[in-house]
Every structure is written in structure tokens, then in C-alpha cells.
Amino acid sequence: MNEEAKKGFSVEEVESVEAPPRARVDAGAADAPEESAGEKLERKRDYLEGFLAQKPQDAAPGEAGGELYEAVVTALKEIFDPEIPVNIYDLGLIYGVEVSDDCDAMVTMTLTTPHCPVAESMPGEVELRVGSVPGIRDAEVNLVWDPPWDPAKMSDEARLELGML
């Protein structure tokens, strides 16, 4: 008795297998104009940009996707690490952004190392920039060291900028 029969199934050898049918989308009317490769690429790009620009509906201003929250994130993306040409948000130094119902912002962040040359000035700059966002009443920065920062926290955009992808 062979192994397959002991396990309760059989094996059948075949010469070849037909490829499954491919999905096709008809262009619609036969008189529809042909689309050039450039036009098709532009249409896809427009769709993707529109898709990525969409915000969650009914998001409160201080929640992720809300107008005030996104304004704080935009402000954080304008602050660059002086040693690495990437903004601190994409670098993964921002661990959390919270905007209260009273429009107070709390940013939890870290630095690449505790011995970072900007360890004294960076949290203050973050607090100033976030506090200057229209609609934010007060900003506070919570500097943490646990969990420690590592390159895995960087966004794909940051990795691409640094040649790590």
C-alpha cells in the first residue's frame, strides 16, 4: 500500500491543464474611441490620487482623518531631522497624535537616540509648530524612550528617500 492510499487520498498525474479564463471588460459601444497608453495612465493616476485624498466621512475634527488632526500631522511633516533629510513624521519619531475635544494637542514622540544633538530643542520646536496650527488651543509634547526608535518605524516614503528600498 503506497503512502497516498494510507492517508485517504489519491494522486492523478496529468499531461497539462487548461489555463483558467481571463477576466475581460468590454469597452462598451463599438464606436468608443481608443485610449492611448498615456491617457490610460493619466486616468489611473487621477483615480489613485482621488482615492488617496479621500478622508473618512463623519470624522470629528480631532480624530484621525479629521481636519484639525490632519493639520497637526501636516505641521509635523514640515519638521525635518537635522541629520537625516526626512521629516520627523515619516521618520517614525511621532508615536501618537491626540487632539482633545477642547482642541488641545498631545504629541507623543521619541528621538533616534537619547544622545541626539537636538534632544533639547526638537520637542520645543514640535510644541511650537503644533501650537501654531489654526484651531489648536494648546500643544504638549511627551518625549518617550520606550519603545526605542528603530529604522523599521520609518514610512516607505522615508525609506525610498534614504535609498533603503
N, C-alpha and C. Protein backbone atom coordinates (compact mmCIF):
# COMPACT_ATOMS: atom_id res chain seq x y z
N MET A 1 0.86 -1.17 0.00
CA MET A 1 0.00 0.00 0.00
C MET A 1 0.91 1.24 0.00
N ASN A 2 0.65 2.17 -0.94
CA ASN A 2 1.51 3.36 -1.02
C ASN A 2 1.07 4.41 0.00
N GLU A 3 1.90 5.46 0.17
CA GLU A 3 1.66 6.49 1.19
C GLU A 3 0.36 7.24 0.97
N GLU A 4 0.03 7.59 -0.30
CA GLU A 4 -1.19 8.35 -0.59
C GLU A 4 -2.44 7.57 -0.19
N ALA A 5 -2.43 6.29 -0.47
CA ALA A 5 -3.60 5.46 -0.13
C ALA A 5 -3.77 5.36 1.37
N LYS A 6 -2.68 5.35 2.11
CA LYS A 6 -2.76 5.30 3.57
C LYS A 6 -3.39 6.56 4.14
N LYS A 7 -3.15 7.69 3.51
CA LYS A 7 -3.67 8.96 4.00
C LYS A 7 -5.10 9.23 3.54
N GLY A 8 -5.65 8.41 2.68
CA GLY A 8 -7.04 8.56 2.28
C GLY A 8 -7.26 9.44 1.07
N PHE A 9 -6.24 9.66 0.25
CA PHE A 9 -6.46 10.42 -0.97
C PHE A 9 -5.64 9.79 -2.07
N SER A 10 -5.99 10.11 -3.30
CA SER A 10 -5.27 9.53 -4.44
C SER A 10 -4.63 10.66 -5.24
N VAL A 11 -3.62 10.29 -5.99
CA VAL A 11 -2.89 11.24 -6.81
C VAL A 11 -3.10 10.87 -8.26
N GLU A 12 -3.45 11.86 -9.07
CA GLU A 12 -3.64 11.63 -10.50
C GLU A 12 -2.64 12.50 -11.26
N GLU A 13 -1.88 11.89 -12.14
CA GLU A 13 -0.92 12.63 -12.94
C GLU A 13 -1.57 13.02 -14.25
N VAL A 14 -1.34 14.26 -14.67
CA VAL A 14 -1.91 14.76 -15.92
C VAL A 14 -0.81 15.35 -16.78
N GLU A 15 -1.05 15.39 -18.08
CA GLU A 15 -0.08 15.94 -19.02
C GLU A 15 -0.05 17.47 -18.96
N SER A 16 -1.25 18.08 -18.98
CA SER A 16 -1.33 19.54 -18.95
C SER A 16 -2.69 19.96 -18.40
N VAL A 17 -2.79 21.22 -18.07
CA VAL A 17 -4.02 21.78 -17.51
C VAL A 17 -4.36 23.03 -18.31
N GLU A 18 -5.65 23.20 -18.63
CA GLU A 18 -6.07 24.39 -19.35
C GLU A 18 -5.94 25.61 -18.44
N ALA A 19 -5.50 26.70 -19.03
CA ALA A 19 -5.42 27.94 -18.26
C ALA A 19 -6.83 28.43 -17.98
N PRO A 20 -7.06 28.98 -16.78
CA PRO A 20 -8.41 29.50 -16.48
C PRO A 20 -8.69 30.71 -17.37
N PRO A 21 -9.96 30.97 -17.63
CA PRO A 21 -10.29 32.12 -18.48
C PRO A 21 -9.90 33.43 -17.79
N ARG A 22 -9.45 34.40 -18.56
CA ARG A 22 -9.06 35.69 -18.02
C ARG A 22 -10.26 36.61 -17.99
N ALA A 23 -10.30 37.45 -17.02
CA ALA A 23 -11.39 38.42 -16.91
C ALA A 23 -11.23 39.46 -18.00
N ARG A 24 -12.34 39.80 -18.62
CA ARG A 24 -12.32 40.81 -19.67
C ARG A 24 -13.41 41.83 -19.40
N VAL A 25 -13.12 43.06 -19.74
CA VAL A 25 -14.11 44.13 -19.61
C VAL A 25 -14.32 44.69 -21.00
N ASP A 26 -15.54 44.63 -21.47
CA ASP A 26 -15.85 45.18 -22.79
C ASP A 26 -15.82 46.70 -22.71
N ALA A 27 -15.31 47.32 -23.74
CA ALA A 27 -15.20 48.76 -23.78
C ALA A 27 -16.57 49.43 -23.89
N GLY A 28 -17.58 48.66 -24.14
CA GLY A 28 -18.92 49.24 -24.28
C GLY A 28 -19.29 49.30 -25.73
N ALA A 29 -19.62 50.46 -26.20
CA ALA A 29 -20.03 50.62 -27.58
C ALA A 29 -18.84 50.40 -28.50
N ALA A 30 -19.12 49.84 -29.66
CA ALA A 30 -18.06 49.56 -30.62
C ALA A 30 -17.45 50.84 -31.17
N ASP A 31 -18.18 51.95 -31.07
CA ASP A 31 -17.67 53.20 -31.60
C ASP A 31 -16.92 54.03 -30.55
N ALA A 32 -16.62 53.43 -29.40
CA ALA A 32 -15.90 54.14 -28.34
C ALA A 32 -14.48 54.42 -28.83
N PRO A 33 -13.96 55.64 -28.59
CA PRO A 33 -12.62 55.97 -29.08
C PRO A 33 -11.56 55.15 -28.33
N GLU A 34 -10.51 54.81 -29.04
CA GLU A 34 -9.40 54.08 -28.42
C GLU A 34 -8.66 55.02 -27.48
N GLU A 35 -8.21 54.49 -26.37
CA GLU A 35 -7.49 55.28 -25.38
C GLU A 35 -6.00 54.98 -25.52
N SER A 36 -5.20 56.02 -25.63
CA SER A 36 -3.76 55.80 -25.74
C SER A 36 -3.20 55.35 -24.40
N ALA A 37 -2.00 54.83 -24.42
CA ALA A 37 -1.37 54.37 -23.18
C ALA A 37 -1.19 55.53 -22.21
N GLY A 38 -0.83 56.71 -22.73
CA GLY A 38 -0.65 57.89 -21.88
C GLY A 38 -1.94 58.33 -21.23
N GLU A 39 -3.04 58.30 -22.01
CA GLU A 39 -4.34 58.68 -21.47
C GLU A 39 -4.79 57.70 -20.39
N LYS A 40 -4.54 56.42 -20.65
CA LYS A 40 -4.92 55.39 -19.69
C LYS A 40 -4.14 55.56 -18.38
N LEU A 41 -2.84 55.84 -18.50
CA LEU A 41 -2.02 56.06 -17.31
C LEU A 41 -2.50 57.27 -16.54
N GLU A 42 -2.82 58.35 -17.25
CA GLU A 42 -3.30 59.57 -16.59
C GLU A 42 -4.63 59.32 -15.87
N ARG A 43 -5.52 58.55 -16.51
CA ARG A 43 -6.81 58.22 -15.89
C ARG A 43 -6.58 57.42 -14.60
N LYS A 44 -5.68 56.46 -14.64
CA LYS A 44 -5.38 55.65 -13.45
C LYS A 44 -4.75 56.51 -12.37
N ARG A 45 -3.85 57.43 -12.77
CA ARG A 45 -3.20 58.31 -11.80
C ARG A 45 -4.24 59.20 -11.12
N ASP A 46 -5.16 59.77 -11.91
CA ASP A 46 -6.21 60.61 -11.35
C ASP A 46 -7.06 59.83 -10.36
N TYR A 47 -7.39 58.59 -10.70
CA TYR A 47 -8.20 57.76 -9.81
C TYR A 47 -7.45 57.50 -8.51
N LEU A 48 -6.17 57.15 -8.61
CA LEU A 48 -5.38 56.85 -7.42
C LEU A 48 -5.23 58.07 -6.53
N GLU A 49 -4.94 59.24 -7.13
CA GLU A 49 -4.80 60.45 -6.33
C GLU A 49 -6.11 60.80 -5.63
N GLY A 50 -7.22 60.63 -6.34
CA GLY A 50 -8.53 60.89 -5.72
C GLY A 50 -8.80 59.93 -4.58
N PHE A 51 -8.43 58.69 -4.77
CA PHE A 51 -8.65 57.67 -3.74
C PHE A 51 -7.81 57.98 -2.50
N LEU A 52 -6.55 58.35 -2.71
CA LEU A 52 -5.67 58.63 -1.58
C LEU A 52 -6.04 59.93 -0.87
N ALA A 53 -6.65 60.86 -1.58
CA ALA A 53 -7.02 62.14 -0.99
C ALA A 53 -8.31 62.07 -0.18
N GLN A 54 -9.06 60.99 -0.32
CA GLN A 54 -10.32 60.88 0.40
C GLN A 54 -10.08 60.79 1.90
N LYS A 55 -10.92 61.45 2.64
CA LYS A 55 -10.87 61.44 4.11
C LYS A 55 -12.06 60.64 4.63
N PRO A 56 -11.92 60.04 5.80
CA PRO A 56 -13.07 59.33 6.37
C PRO A 56 -14.23 60.29 6.56
N GLN A 57 -15.41 59.83 6.21
CA GLN A 57 -16.58 60.69 6.37
C GLN A 57 -17.00 60.70 7.83
N ASP A 58 -17.57 61.81 8.24
CA ASP A 58 -18.08 61.98 9.60
C ASP A 58 -17.00 61.87 10.67
N ALA A 59 -15.75 62.15 10.32
CA ALA A 59 -14.67 62.13 11.32
C ALA A 59 -14.71 63.45 12.08
N ALA A 60 -14.64 63.35 13.39
CA ALA A 60 -14.58 64.56 14.21
C ALA A 60 -13.27 65.29 13.89
N PRO A 61 -13.24 66.60 14.02
CA PRO A 61 -12.03 67.36 13.66
C PRO A 61 -10.75 66.86 14.33
N GLY A 62 -10.86 66.37 15.57
CA GLY A 62 -9.68 65.94 16.30
C GLY A 62 -9.34 64.48 16.15
N GLU A 63 -10.14 63.72 15.41
CA GLU A 63 -9.87 62.30 15.19
C GLU A 63 -9.06 62.12 13.92
N ALA A 64 -8.40 60.96 13.82
CA ALA A 64 -7.64 60.66 12.61
C ALA A 64 -8.54 60.82 11.40
N GLY A 65 -8.08 61.57 10.43
CA GLY A 65 -8.89 61.87 9.25
C GLY A 65 -9.64 63.16 9.37
N GLY A 66 -9.78 63.68 10.59
CA GLY A 66 -10.46 64.95 10.80
C GLY A 66 -9.58 66.11 10.38
N GLU A 67 -10.18 67.23 10.13
CA GLU A 67 -9.47 68.40 9.61
C GLU A 67 -8.37 68.89 10.55
N LEU A 68 -8.67 69.00 11.83
CA LEU A 68 -7.69 69.52 12.80
C LEU A 68 -6.55 68.53 13.00
N TYR A 69 -6.88 67.26 13.12
CA TYR A 69 -5.88 66.20 13.28
C TYR A 69 -4.92 66.22 12.09
N GLU A 70 -5.49 66.26 10.88
CA GLU A 70 -4.65 66.24 9.68
C GLU A 70 -3.79 67.50 9.58
N ALA A 71 -4.28 68.64 10.07
CA ALA A 71 -3.49 69.87 10.08
C ALA A 71 -2.29 69.72 11.02
N VAL A 72 -2.47 69.04 12.14
CA VAL A 72 -1.36 68.79 13.07
C VAL A 72 -0.33 67.88 12.41
N VAL A 73 -0.80 66.83 11.75
CA VAL A 73 0.12 65.91 11.06
C VAL A 73 0.89 66.65 9.97
N THR A 74 0.21 67.52 9.23
CA THR A 74 0.88 68.31 8.19
C THR A 74 1.97 69.19 8.81
N ALA A 75 1.68 69.80 9.96
CA ALA A 75 2.68 70.62 10.63
C ALA A 75 3.89 69.77 11.06
N LEU A 76 3.64 68.56 11.52
CA LEU A 76 4.73 67.67 11.93
C LEU A 76 5.58 67.26 10.73
N LYS A 77 4.96 67.13 9.57
CA LYS A 77 5.69 66.74 8.36
C LYS A 77 6.56 67.87 7.83
N GLU A 78 6.43 69.07 8.39
CA GLU A 78 7.26 70.20 7.98
C GLU A 78 8.52 70.32 8.84
N ILE A 79 8.67 69.46 9.84
CA ILE A 79 9.83 69.50 10.72
C ILE A 79 10.78 68.39 10.29
N PHE A 80 12.00 68.75 9.94
CA PHE A 80 12.96 67.77 9.45
C PHE A 80 14.05 67.50 10.48
N ASP A 81 14.49 66.25 10.52
CA ASP A 81 15.61 65.88 11.36
C ASP A 81 16.85 66.55 10.77
N PRO A 82 17.67 67.21 11.58
CA PRO A 82 18.82 67.92 11.02
C PRO A 82 19.90 67.01 10.45
N GLU A 83 19.94 65.75 10.87
CA GLU A 83 20.98 64.84 10.39
C GLU A 83 20.51 63.94 9.26
N ILE A 84 19.19 63.75 9.16
CA ILE A 84 18.62 62.86 8.15
C ILE A 84 17.62 63.70 7.35
N PRO A 85 17.73 63.73 6.03
CA PRO A 85 16.87 64.61 5.23
C PRO A 85 15.43 64.08 5.07
N VAL A 86 14.79 63.75 6.19
CA VAL A 86 13.43 63.22 6.18
C VAL A 86 12.67 63.90 7.31
N ASN A 87 11.37 64.17 7.11
CA ASN A 87 10.60 64.80 8.17
C ASN A 87 10.40 63.82 9.33
N ILE A 88 10.16 64.36 10.52
CA ILE A 88 10.10 63.53 11.73
C ILE A 88 8.90 62.60 11.74
N TYR A 89 7.84 62.94 11.02
CA TYR A 89 6.66 62.08 10.98
C TYR A 89 6.97 60.82 10.16
N ASP A 90 7.49 60.99 8.95
CA ASP A 90 7.82 59.84 8.11
C ASP A 90 9.01 59.07 8.66
N LEU A 91 9.85 59.73 9.43
CA LEU A 91 10.99 59.05 10.04
C LEU A 91 10.54 58.10 11.15
N GLY A 92 9.30 58.26 11.61
CA GLY A 92 8.76 57.37 12.64
C GLY A 92 9.05 57.85 14.05
N LEU A 93 9.39 59.12 14.19
CA LEU A 93 9.66 59.65 15.53
C LEU A 93 8.38 60.03 16.27
N ILE A 94 7.28 60.16 15.55
CA ILE A 94 6.00 60.51 16.17
C ILE A 94 5.25 59.21 16.46
N TYR A 95 5.03 58.94 17.72
CA TYR A 95 4.33 57.71 18.13
C TYR A 95 2.83 57.92 18.25
N GLY A 96 2.40 59.14 18.46
CA GLY A 96 0.98 59.37 18.60
C GLY A 96 0.62 60.84 18.56
N VAL A 97 -0.56 61.12 18.00
CA VAL A 97 -1.12 62.47 17.97
C VAL A 97 -2.54 62.37 18.48
N GLU A 98 -2.83 63.14 19.51
CA GLU A 98 -4.19 63.17 20.05
C GLU A 98 -4.64 64.62 20.11
N VAL A 99 -5.87 64.85 19.65
CA VAL A 99 -6.46 66.18 19.73
C VAL A 99 -7.74 66.03 20.53
N SER A 100 -7.81 66.74 21.67
CA SER A 100 -8.97 66.63 22.55
C SER A 100 -10.15 67.41 21.99
N ASP A 101 -11.30 67.22 22.60
CA ASP A 101 -12.49 67.96 22.21
C ASP A 101 -12.32 69.46 22.45
N ASP A 102 -11.42 69.83 23.37
CA ASP A 102 -11.13 71.24 23.66
C ASP A 102 -10.06 71.81 22.74
N CYS A 103 -9.66 71.02 21.73
CA CYS A 103 -8.64 71.42 20.74
C CYS A 103 -7.24 71.54 21.33
N ASP A 104 -6.97 70.74 22.36
CA ASP A 104 -5.62 70.65 22.89
C ASP A 104 -4.94 69.47 22.21
N ALA A 105 -3.69 69.65 21.78
CA ALA A 105 -2.97 68.59 21.09
C ALA A 105 -1.90 68.00 22.00
N MET A 106 -1.81 66.66 21.98
CA MET A 106 -0.77 65.94 22.72
C MET A 106 -0.03 65.09 21.70
N VAL A 107 1.27 65.34 21.57
CA VAL A 107 2.11 64.59 20.64
C VAL A 107 3.07 63.74 21.45
N THR A 108 3.05 62.44 21.22
CA THR A 108 3.99 61.53 21.86
C THR A 108 5.05 61.22 20.81
N MET A 109 6.29 61.47 21.18
CA MET A 109 7.37 61.29 20.21
C MET A 109 8.63 60.76 20.89
N THR A 110 9.58 60.38 20.07
CA THR A 110 10.89 59.96 20.55
C THR A 110 11.93 60.61 19.65
N LEU A 111 13.17 60.31 19.89
CA LEU A 111 14.26 60.76 19.04
C LEU A 111 15.05 59.52 18.63
N THR A 112 15.91 59.66 17.63
CA THR A 112 16.65 58.49 17.16
C THR A 112 17.51 57.87 18.26
N THR A 113 18.09 58.71 19.10
CA THR A 113 18.85 58.23 20.27
C THR A 113 18.72 59.26 21.38
N PRO A 114 18.91 58.83 22.64
CA PRO A 114 18.88 59.80 23.74
C PRO A 114 20.00 60.83 23.63
N HIS A 115 21.05 60.51 22.90
CA HIS A 115 22.20 61.41 22.77
C HIS A 115 22.11 62.28 21.52
N CYS A 116 20.93 62.32 20.93
CA CYS A 116 20.69 63.11 19.72
C CYS A 116 21.05 64.57 20.00
N PRO A 117 21.75 65.24 19.07
CA PRO A 117 22.15 66.63 19.29
C PRO A 117 20.97 67.59 19.46
N VAL A 118 19.79 67.22 18.98
CA VAL A 118 18.63 68.11 19.10
C VAL A 118 17.67 67.66 20.21
N ALA A 119 18.17 66.83 21.12
CA ALA A 119 17.32 66.30 22.18
C ALA A 119 16.68 67.41 23.02
N GLU A 120 17.37 68.52 23.18
CA GLU A 120 16.82 69.61 23.98
C GLU A 120 15.92 70.53 23.16
N SER A 121 16.22 70.71 21.88
CA SER A 121 15.47 71.68 21.09
C SER A 121 14.30 71.08 20.29
N MET A 122 14.39 69.83 19.86
CA MET A 122 13.36 69.25 19.00
C MET A 122 11.97 69.21 19.65
N PRO A 123 11.83 68.73 20.89
CA PRO A 123 10.49 68.74 21.49
C PRO A 123 9.89 70.14 21.57
N GLY A 124 10.71 71.14 21.85
CA GLY A 124 10.22 72.51 21.89
C GLY A 124 9.77 73.00 20.53
N GLU A 125 10.50 72.63 19.49
CA GLU A 125 10.10 73.02 18.13
C GLU A 125 8.79 72.35 17.74
N VAL A 126 8.64 71.07 18.11
CA VAL A 126 7.39 70.36 17.81
C VAL A 126 6.23 71.04 18.52
N GLU A 127 6.43 71.39 19.79
CA GLU A 127 5.37 72.05 20.55
C GLU A 127 4.99 73.39 19.93
N LEU A 128 5.97 74.17 19.50
CA LEU A 128 5.70 75.46 18.86
C LEU A 128 4.95 75.29 17.55
N ARG A 129 5.40 74.36 16.71
CA ARG A 129 4.77 74.16 15.40
C ARG A 129 3.34 73.67 15.55
N VAL A 130 3.13 72.70 16.43
CA VAL A 130 1.78 72.16 16.62
C VAL A 130 0.89 73.23 17.25
N GLY A 131 1.43 73.98 18.19
CA GLY A 131 0.66 75.04 18.83
C GLY A 131 0.27 76.16 17.89
N SER A 132 1.00 76.30 16.78
CA SER A 132 0.69 77.35 15.82
C SER A 132 -0.33 76.92 14.76
N VAL A 133 -0.78 75.67 14.82
CA VAL A 133 -1.80 75.20 13.87
C VAL A 133 -3.11 75.91 14.20
N PRO A 134 -3.72 76.56 13.20
CA PRO A 134 -5.00 77.24 13.46
C PRO A 134 -6.04 76.27 14.02
N GLY A 135 -6.63 76.65 15.14
CA GLY A 135 -7.63 75.80 15.79
C GLY A 135 -7.11 75.07 17.01
N ILE A 136 -5.79 74.93 17.13
CA ILE A 136 -5.20 74.27 18.30
C ILE A 136 -5.07 75.30 19.41
N ARG A 137 -5.66 74.98 20.56
CA ARG A 137 -5.62 75.90 21.70
C ARG A 137 -4.30 75.80 22.45
N ASP A 138 -3.84 74.55 22.70
CA ASP A 138 -2.61 74.33 23.45
C ASP A 138 -1.96 73.05 22.92
N ALA A 139 -0.64 73.01 22.94
CA ALA A 139 0.09 71.83 22.47
C ALA A 139 1.05 71.38 23.56
N GLU A 140 1.17 70.07 23.69
CA GLU A 140 2.08 69.48 24.66
C GLU A 140 2.81 68.33 24.00
N VAL A 141 4.09 68.17 24.29
CA VAL A 141 4.89 67.09 23.73
C VAL A 141 5.34 66.18 24.85
N ASN A 142 5.11 64.90 24.66
CA ASN A 142 5.53 63.88 25.61
C ASN A 142 6.68 63.12 24.96
N LEU A 143 7.91 63.33 25.43
CA LEU A 143 9.09 62.66 24.88
C LEU A 143 9.29 61.34 25.61
N VAL A 144 9.31 60.25 24.85
CA VAL A 144 9.46 58.91 25.44
C VAL A 144 10.66 58.20 24.82
N TRP A 145 11.16 57.22 25.54
CA TRP A 145 12.29 56.43 25.04
C TRP A 145 11.91 54.96 24.91
N ASP A 146 10.71 54.62 25.33
CA ASP A 146 10.26 53.24 25.26
C ASP A 146 8.94 53.18 24.52
N PRO A 147 8.81 52.52 23.42
CA PRO A 147 9.82 51.69 22.78
C PRO A 147 10.86 52.56 22.06
N PRO A 148 12.09 52.07 22.02
CA PRO A 148 13.13 52.85 21.35
C PRO A 148 12.89 52.91 19.84
N TRP A 149 13.34 53.98 19.24
CA TRP A 149 13.18 54.14 17.80
C TRP A 149 14.10 53.17 17.09
N ASP A 150 13.64 52.65 15.96
CA ASP A 150 14.49 51.87 15.08
C ASP A 150 14.04 52.13 13.64
N PRO A 151 14.88 51.84 12.66
CA PRO A 151 14.56 52.14 11.26
C PRO A 151 13.27 51.48 10.76
N ALA A 152 12.80 50.44 11.41
CA ALA A 152 11.56 49.79 10.98
C ALA A 152 10.35 50.70 11.15
N LYS A 153 10.46 51.75 11.94
CA LYS A 153 9.35 52.68 12.18
C LYS A 153 9.19 53.71 11.06
N MET A 154 10.14 53.74 10.13
CA MET A 154 10.08 54.72 9.04
C MET A 154 9.00 54.33 8.03
N SER A 155 8.42 55.35 7.41
CA SER A 155 7.44 55.10 6.35
C SER A 155 8.18 54.65 5.09
N ASP A 156 7.43 54.09 4.15
CA ASP A 156 8.04 53.69 2.89
C ASP A 156 8.62 54.88 2.14
N GLU A 157 7.96 56.05 2.27
CA GLU A 157 8.46 57.25 1.61
C GLU A 157 9.84 57.62 2.16
N ALA A 158 10.02 57.50 3.48
CA ALA A 158 11.31 57.83 4.10
C ALA A 158 12.37 56.83 3.65
N ARG A 159 12.01 55.57 3.60
CA ARG A 159 12.99 54.55 3.16
C ARG A 159 13.41 54.79 1.73
N LEU A 160 12.43 55.16 0.88
CA LEU A 160 12.74 55.45 -0.51
C LEU A 160 13.66 56.66 -0.61
N GLU A 161 13.38 57.70 0.15
CA GLU A 161 14.21 58.92 0.16
C GLU A 161 15.64 58.62 0.58
N LEU A 162 15.80 57.68 1.50
CA LEU A 162 17.13 57.34 2.02
C LEU A 162 17.80 56.19 1.27
N GLY A 163 17.13 55.70 0.22
CA GLY A 163 17.70 54.62 -0.57
C GLY A 163 17.68 53.27 0.12
N MET A 164 16.71 53.07 1.02
CA MET A 164 16.64 51.81 1.77
C MET A 164 15.63 50.85 1.18
N LEU A 165 14.98 51.20 0.06
CA LEU A 165 14.02 50.30 -0.59
C LEU A 165 14.58 49.80 -1.88
